[in-house]
N, C-alpha and C. Protein backbone atom coordinates (compact mmCIF):
# COMPACT_ATOMS: atom_id res chain seq x y z
N MET A 1 264.88 247.04 245.45
CA MET A 1 264.09 245.91 245.90
C MET A 1 262.73 245.93 245.20
N ALA A 2 262.30 244.79 244.66
CA ALA A 2 261.03 244.69 243.94
C ALA A 2 259.87 244.64 244.92
N MET A 3 258.81 245.30 244.55
CA MET A 3 257.64 245.36 245.41
C MET A 3 256.64 244.29 245.00
N ASP A 4 256.04 243.61 245.96
CA ASP A 4 255.04 242.58 245.68
C ASP A 4 253.71 243.28 245.39
N THR A 5 253.28 243.22 244.09
CA THR A 5 252.05 243.92 243.70
C THR A 5 250.80 243.07 243.88
N SER A 6 250.94 241.81 244.29
CA SER A 6 249.77 240.94 244.41
C SER A 6 248.85 241.37 245.55
N ARG A 7 249.37 242.14 246.51
CA ARG A 7 248.54 242.54 247.65
C ARG A 7 248.02 243.97 247.51
N LEU A 8 248.29 244.63 246.39
CA LEU A 8 247.80 245.99 246.20
C LEU A 8 246.30 245.96 245.92
N ALA A 9 245.61 246.99 246.35
CA ALA A 9 244.17 247.08 246.11
C ALA A 9 243.89 247.26 244.62
N PHE A 10 244.73 248.02 243.95
CA PHE A 10 244.57 248.27 242.52
C PHE A 10 245.92 248.04 241.82
N PRO A 11 246.23 246.78 241.50
CA PRO A 11 247.53 246.53 240.86
C PRO A 11 247.56 247.11 239.45
N LYS A 12 248.76 247.47 239.03
CA LYS A 12 248.93 248.03 237.69
C LYS A 12 248.64 246.96 236.64
N GLY A 13 248.00 247.37 235.58
CA GLY A 13 247.73 246.46 234.48
C GLY A 13 248.94 246.32 233.58
N ARG A 14 248.82 245.44 232.65
CA ARG A 14 249.89 245.21 231.67
C ARG A 14 249.95 246.40 230.71
N PRO A 15 251.13 246.87 230.36
CA PRO A 15 251.24 248.01 229.44
C PRO A 15 250.62 247.69 228.07
N ARG A 16 249.92 248.67 227.51
CA ARG A 16 249.26 248.48 226.22
C ARG A 16 250.25 248.17 225.11
N ALA A 17 251.43 248.75 225.19
CA ALA A 17 252.44 248.52 224.16
C ALA A 17 252.81 247.04 224.07
N LEU A 18 252.86 246.35 225.20
CA LEU A 18 253.17 244.92 225.19
C LEU A 18 252.04 244.12 224.55
N ASP A 19 250.80 244.46 224.89
CA ASP A 19 249.66 243.77 224.29
C ASP A 19 249.62 244.00 222.78
N LYS A 20 249.91 245.23 222.36
CA LYS A 20 249.90 245.57 220.94
C LYS A 20 251.00 244.79 220.20
N ALA A 21 252.16 244.67 220.80
CA ALA A 21 253.26 243.93 220.18
C ALA A 21 252.92 242.46 220.02
N VAL A 22 252.26 241.88 221.01
CA VAL A 22 251.85 240.47 220.95
C VAL A 22 250.84 240.27 219.83
N ARG A 23 249.85 241.17 219.72
CA ARG A 23 248.85 241.08 218.65
C ARG A 23 249.50 241.22 217.27
N ARG A 24 250.44 242.16 217.14
CA ARG A 24 251.11 242.38 215.86
C ARG A 24 251.92 241.16 215.44
N LYS A 25 252.64 240.56 216.38
CA LYS A 25 253.43 239.36 216.06
C LYS A 25 252.53 238.20 215.67
N ALA A 26 251.40 238.04 216.34
CA ALA A 26 250.47 236.97 216.00
C ALA A 26 249.89 237.19 214.60
N LEU A 27 249.57 238.43 214.27
CA LEU A 27 249.04 238.76 212.94
C LEU A 27 250.09 238.49 211.86
N GLU A 28 251.32 238.89 212.12
CA GLU A 28 252.39 238.65 211.15
C GLU A 28 252.64 237.16 210.95
N ALA A 29 252.59 236.39 212.02
CA ALA A 29 252.78 234.94 211.92
C ALA A 29 251.66 234.30 211.12
N ARG A 30 250.43 234.72 211.37
CA ARG A 30 249.27 234.19 210.65
C ARG A 30 249.35 234.55 209.17
N ASP A 31 249.73 235.80 208.87
CA ASP A 31 249.86 236.25 207.49
C ASP A 31 250.96 235.45 206.77
N LYS A 32 252.06 235.18 207.45
CA LYS A 32 253.15 234.41 206.85
C LYS A 32 252.72 232.97 206.55
N ARG A 33 251.99 232.36 207.48
CA ARG A 33 251.49 230.99 207.26
C ARG A 33 250.59 230.93 206.03
N GLU A 34 249.70 231.90 205.89
CA GLU A 34 248.78 231.93 204.75
C GLU A 34 249.53 232.22 203.45
N SER A 35 250.54 233.09 203.50
CA SER A 35 251.35 233.35 202.31
C SER A 35 252.12 232.10 201.89
N ASP A 36 252.59 231.34 202.86
CA ASP A 36 253.29 230.08 202.56
C ASP A 36 252.34 229.09 201.89
N LYS A 37 251.09 229.06 202.33
CA LYS A 37 250.09 228.19 201.69
C LYS A 37 249.89 228.58 200.23
N ALA A 38 249.80 229.89 199.98
CA ALA A 38 249.62 230.38 198.61
C ALA A 38 250.85 230.05 197.76
N ARG A 39 252.03 230.17 198.34
CA ARG A 39 253.27 229.87 197.62
C ARG A 39 253.32 228.39 197.25
N THR A 40 252.92 227.52 198.17
CA THR A 40 252.89 226.08 197.90
C THR A 40 251.87 225.76 196.81
N ARG A 41 250.70 226.38 196.90
CA ARG A 41 249.64 226.14 195.93
C ARG A 41 250.07 226.53 194.52
N ALA A 42 250.77 227.64 194.37
CA ALA A 42 251.16 228.14 193.05
C ALA A 42 252.28 227.32 192.43
N ALA A 43 253.03 226.62 193.22
CA ALA A 43 254.13 225.76 192.74
C ALA A 43 255.12 226.52 191.86
N GLY A 44 255.40 227.77 192.22
CA GLY A 44 256.41 228.53 191.52
C GLY A 44 255.96 229.20 190.23
N ARG A 45 254.68 229.20 189.96
CA ARG A 45 254.18 229.75 188.71
C ARG A 45 253.14 230.84 188.99
N CYS A 46 253.16 231.90 188.17
CA CYS A 46 252.21 233.00 188.30
C CYS A 46 250.79 232.46 188.16
N GLU A 47 249.89 232.90 189.04
CA GLU A 47 248.51 232.39 189.04
C GLU A 47 247.53 233.24 188.22
N ILE A 48 248.02 234.26 187.54
CA ILE A 48 247.14 235.14 186.77
C ILE A 48 246.73 234.47 185.47
N GLU A 49 245.43 234.51 185.22
CA GLU A 49 244.89 234.02 183.95
C GLU A 49 244.14 235.17 183.30
N VAL A 50 244.61 235.58 182.12
CA VAL A 50 244.00 236.68 181.38
C VAL A 50 243.09 236.08 180.31
N VAL A 51 241.89 236.63 180.18
CA VAL A 51 240.91 236.15 179.19
C VAL A 51 241.54 236.20 177.80
N GLY A 52 241.47 235.10 177.08
CA GLY A 52 242.00 235.01 175.74
C GLY A 52 243.47 234.66 175.65
N GLN A 53 244.18 234.67 176.79
CA GLN A 53 245.60 234.37 176.77
C GLN A 53 245.95 233.14 177.61
N GLY A 54 245.09 232.77 178.52
CA GLY A 54 245.38 231.64 179.41
C GLY A 54 246.22 232.05 180.60
N ARG A 55 246.70 231.04 181.30
CA ARG A 55 247.48 231.29 182.51
C ARG A 55 248.91 231.69 182.15
N CYS A 56 249.44 232.60 182.92
CA CYS A 56 250.80 233.10 182.72
C CYS A 56 251.81 231.98 182.94
N LEU A 57 252.87 232.00 182.16
CA LEU A 57 253.91 230.97 182.25
C LEU A 57 255.13 231.45 183.05
N ARG A 58 255.11 232.71 183.50
CA ARG A 58 256.26 233.24 184.24
C ARG A 58 256.31 232.70 185.67
N ARG A 59 257.47 232.86 186.27
CA ARG A 59 257.69 232.44 187.65
C ARG A 59 257.03 233.45 188.60
N ASP A 60 256.45 232.95 189.68
CA ASP A 60 255.86 233.86 190.67
C ASP A 60 256.96 234.46 191.53
N THR A 61 256.88 235.76 191.73
CA THR A 61 257.90 236.44 192.53
C THR A 61 257.30 237.27 193.66
N GLU A 62 256.00 237.53 193.60
CA GLU A 62 255.36 238.41 194.58
C GLU A 62 254.01 237.86 194.98
N THR A 63 253.52 238.35 196.11
CA THR A 63 252.19 238.00 196.58
C THR A 63 251.27 239.20 196.38
N HIS A 64 250.19 238.99 195.63
CA HIS A 64 249.20 240.05 195.42
C HIS A 64 248.07 239.85 196.42
N HIS A 65 247.85 240.85 197.28
CA HIS A 65 246.75 240.82 198.24
C HIS A 65 245.51 241.34 197.52
N MET A 66 244.57 240.47 197.27
CA MET A 66 243.40 240.82 196.48
C MET A 66 242.46 241.76 197.22
N VAL A 67 242.47 241.71 198.53
CA VAL A 67 241.67 242.63 199.33
C VAL A 67 242.64 243.65 199.88
N GLY A 68 242.54 244.88 199.43
CA GLY A 68 243.47 245.91 199.86
C GLY A 68 242.74 247.18 200.18
N GLY A 69 243.50 248.18 200.51
CA GLY A 69 242.91 249.47 200.82
C GLY A 69 243.09 249.81 202.28
N TRP A 70 242.86 251.05 202.59
CA TRP A 70 243.03 251.55 203.94
C TRP A 70 242.08 250.85 204.90
N GLY A 71 242.64 250.18 205.90
CA GLY A 71 241.84 249.53 206.92
C GLY A 71 241.27 248.19 206.54
N LYS A 72 241.66 247.63 205.38
CA LYS A 72 241.10 246.35 204.95
C LYS A 72 242.12 245.23 205.02
N ARG A 73 243.37 245.55 204.76
CA ARG A 73 244.39 244.51 204.74
C ARG A 73 244.61 243.99 206.16
N ALA A 74 244.71 242.68 206.27
CA ALA A 74 244.92 241.98 207.54
C ALA A 74 243.70 242.12 208.46
N ARG A 75 242.55 242.37 207.92
CA ARG A 75 241.31 242.44 208.69
C ARG A 75 240.36 241.38 208.14
N GLY A 76 239.62 240.76 209.00
CA GLY A 76 238.64 239.77 208.56
C GLY A 76 239.31 238.62 207.83
N THR A 77 238.88 238.34 206.61
CA THR A 77 239.42 237.21 205.85
C THR A 77 240.45 237.63 204.81
N SER A 78 240.89 238.88 204.84
CA SER A 78 241.82 239.36 203.81
C SER A 78 243.18 238.69 203.89
N TYR A 79 243.54 238.13 205.03
CA TYR A 79 244.84 237.51 205.19
C TYR A 79 244.87 236.06 204.68
N LEU A 80 243.71 235.48 204.36
CA LEU A 80 243.65 234.07 203.96
C LEU A 80 244.33 233.82 202.63
N ALA A 81 244.82 232.60 202.46
CA ALA A 81 245.50 232.22 201.21
C ALA A 81 244.56 232.31 200.02
N ASP A 82 243.26 232.10 200.23
CA ASP A 82 242.29 232.21 199.14
C ASP A 82 242.15 233.64 198.62
N ARG A 83 242.58 234.62 199.40
CA ARG A 83 242.49 236.03 199.02
C ARG A 83 243.84 236.58 198.56
N LYS A 84 244.79 235.69 198.33
CA LYS A 84 246.12 236.08 197.86
C LYS A 84 246.45 235.31 196.60
N GLN A 85 247.16 235.96 195.70
CA GLN A 85 247.62 235.31 194.48
C GLN A 85 249.14 235.46 194.40
N ARG A 86 249.79 234.41 193.97
CA ARG A 86 251.22 234.49 193.68
C ARG A 86 251.33 234.94 192.23
N VAL A 87 252.02 236.03 191.99
CA VAL A 87 252.06 236.65 190.67
C VAL A 87 253.48 237.00 190.27
N CYS A 88 253.68 237.18 188.96
CA CYS A 88 254.95 237.68 188.45
C CYS A 88 254.96 239.19 188.60
N VAL A 89 256.13 239.77 188.49
CA VAL A 89 256.26 241.21 188.67
C VAL A 89 255.50 241.99 187.58
N VAL A 90 255.42 241.45 186.38
CA VAL A 90 254.72 242.12 185.27
C VAL A 90 253.23 242.23 185.57
N HIS A 91 252.61 241.11 185.93
CA HIS A 91 251.17 241.14 186.20
C HIS A 91 250.83 241.90 187.47
N HIS A 92 251.70 241.85 188.47
CA HIS A 92 251.43 242.60 189.69
C HIS A 92 251.43 244.10 189.38
N GLY A 93 252.36 244.54 188.55
CA GLY A 93 252.39 245.94 188.14
C GLY A 93 251.16 246.33 187.35
N GLN A 94 250.69 245.44 186.47
CA GLN A 94 249.51 245.73 185.66
C GLN A 94 248.24 245.78 186.52
N ILE A 95 248.16 244.93 187.52
CA ILE A 95 246.99 244.94 188.42
C ILE A 95 246.97 246.23 189.23
N THR A 96 248.11 246.60 189.81
CA THR A 96 248.13 247.80 190.64
C THR A 96 247.98 249.07 189.81
N ALA A 97 248.38 249.02 188.53
CA ALA A 97 248.20 250.18 187.64
C ALA A 97 246.80 250.17 187.02
N ARG A 98 246.00 249.20 187.37
CA ARG A 98 244.63 249.05 186.88
C ARG A 98 244.54 248.86 185.37
N LEU A 99 245.52 248.12 184.83
CA LEU A 99 245.48 247.73 183.43
C LEU A 99 244.81 246.38 183.27
N LEU A 100 244.73 245.63 184.36
CA LEU A 100 243.99 244.36 184.40
C LEU A 100 242.87 244.50 185.41
N ARG A 101 241.69 243.99 185.05
CA ARG A 101 240.53 244.03 185.95
C ARG A 101 240.10 242.61 186.26
N ARG A 102 239.84 242.36 187.53
CA ARG A 102 239.42 241.03 187.97
C ARG A 102 238.00 240.77 187.56
N ILE A 103 237.76 239.55 187.06
CA ILE A 103 236.40 239.10 186.71
C ILE A 103 236.06 237.99 187.68
N GLY A 104 234.97 238.15 188.39
CA GLY A 104 234.57 237.14 189.35
C GLY A 104 233.48 237.68 190.24
N SER A 105 233.24 236.97 191.32
CA SER A 105 232.19 237.38 192.25
C SER A 105 232.64 238.60 193.05
N ASP A 106 231.78 239.07 193.92
CA ASP A 106 232.11 240.21 194.78
C ASP A 106 233.26 239.88 195.73
N VAL A 107 233.34 238.62 196.12
CA VAL A 107 234.39 238.19 197.03
C VAL A 107 235.57 237.67 196.20
N PRO A 108 236.74 238.31 196.30
CA PRO A 108 237.88 237.87 195.50
C PRO A 108 238.34 236.46 195.87
N HIS A 109 238.78 235.73 194.87
CA HIS A 109 239.29 234.37 195.07
C HIS A 109 240.46 234.19 194.12
N TYR A 110 241.44 233.42 194.53
CA TYR A 110 242.65 233.30 193.73
C TYR A 110 242.41 232.68 192.35
N THR A 111 241.28 232.02 192.14
CA THR A 111 240.99 231.41 190.84
C THR A 111 240.31 232.39 189.86
N ASP A 112 240.04 233.61 190.29
CA ASP A 112 239.40 234.60 189.42
C ASP A 112 240.30 234.91 188.22
N THR A 113 239.68 235.21 187.10
CA THR A 113 240.43 235.58 185.89
C THR A 113 240.44 237.10 185.75
N TYR A 114 241.24 237.58 184.83
CA TYR A 114 241.38 239.02 184.61
C TYR A 114 241.13 239.33 183.14
N GLU A 115 240.70 240.56 182.90
CA GLU A 115 240.57 241.02 181.52
C GLU A 115 241.44 242.26 181.37
N ARG A 116 242.02 242.39 180.19
CA ARG A 116 242.93 243.52 179.90
C ARG A 116 242.09 244.74 179.54
N LEU A 117 242.43 245.88 180.09
CA LEU A 117 241.77 247.14 179.77
C LEU A 117 242.65 247.90 178.78
N LYS A 118 242.05 248.72 177.97
CA LYS A 118 242.72 249.54 176.95
C LYS A 118 243.10 248.77 175.74
């Protein structure tokens, strides 16, 4: 038989695990909406522009999170579509291997260009 907790002096609170799951699902939904915006904006084409070469002509296959690192992803404005680029697998590998360096302001934006290192 279930006990009516509305009359208890100190009713039990909601379990933290449930609150955490709700927050995680909301964050994932928000991140997916912003990724969809970036995908629509790119129109199926890699958004990387390398100095002296122009914009890449390959198909976009991945999302590059321009704001990354421990404790930064999905915090503040890092989840926004303006902080994500749709990229081809070649350029995404070059960015993560630090063969391409972003040129732009301190705040990353999907319109920033890159320069080739080495």
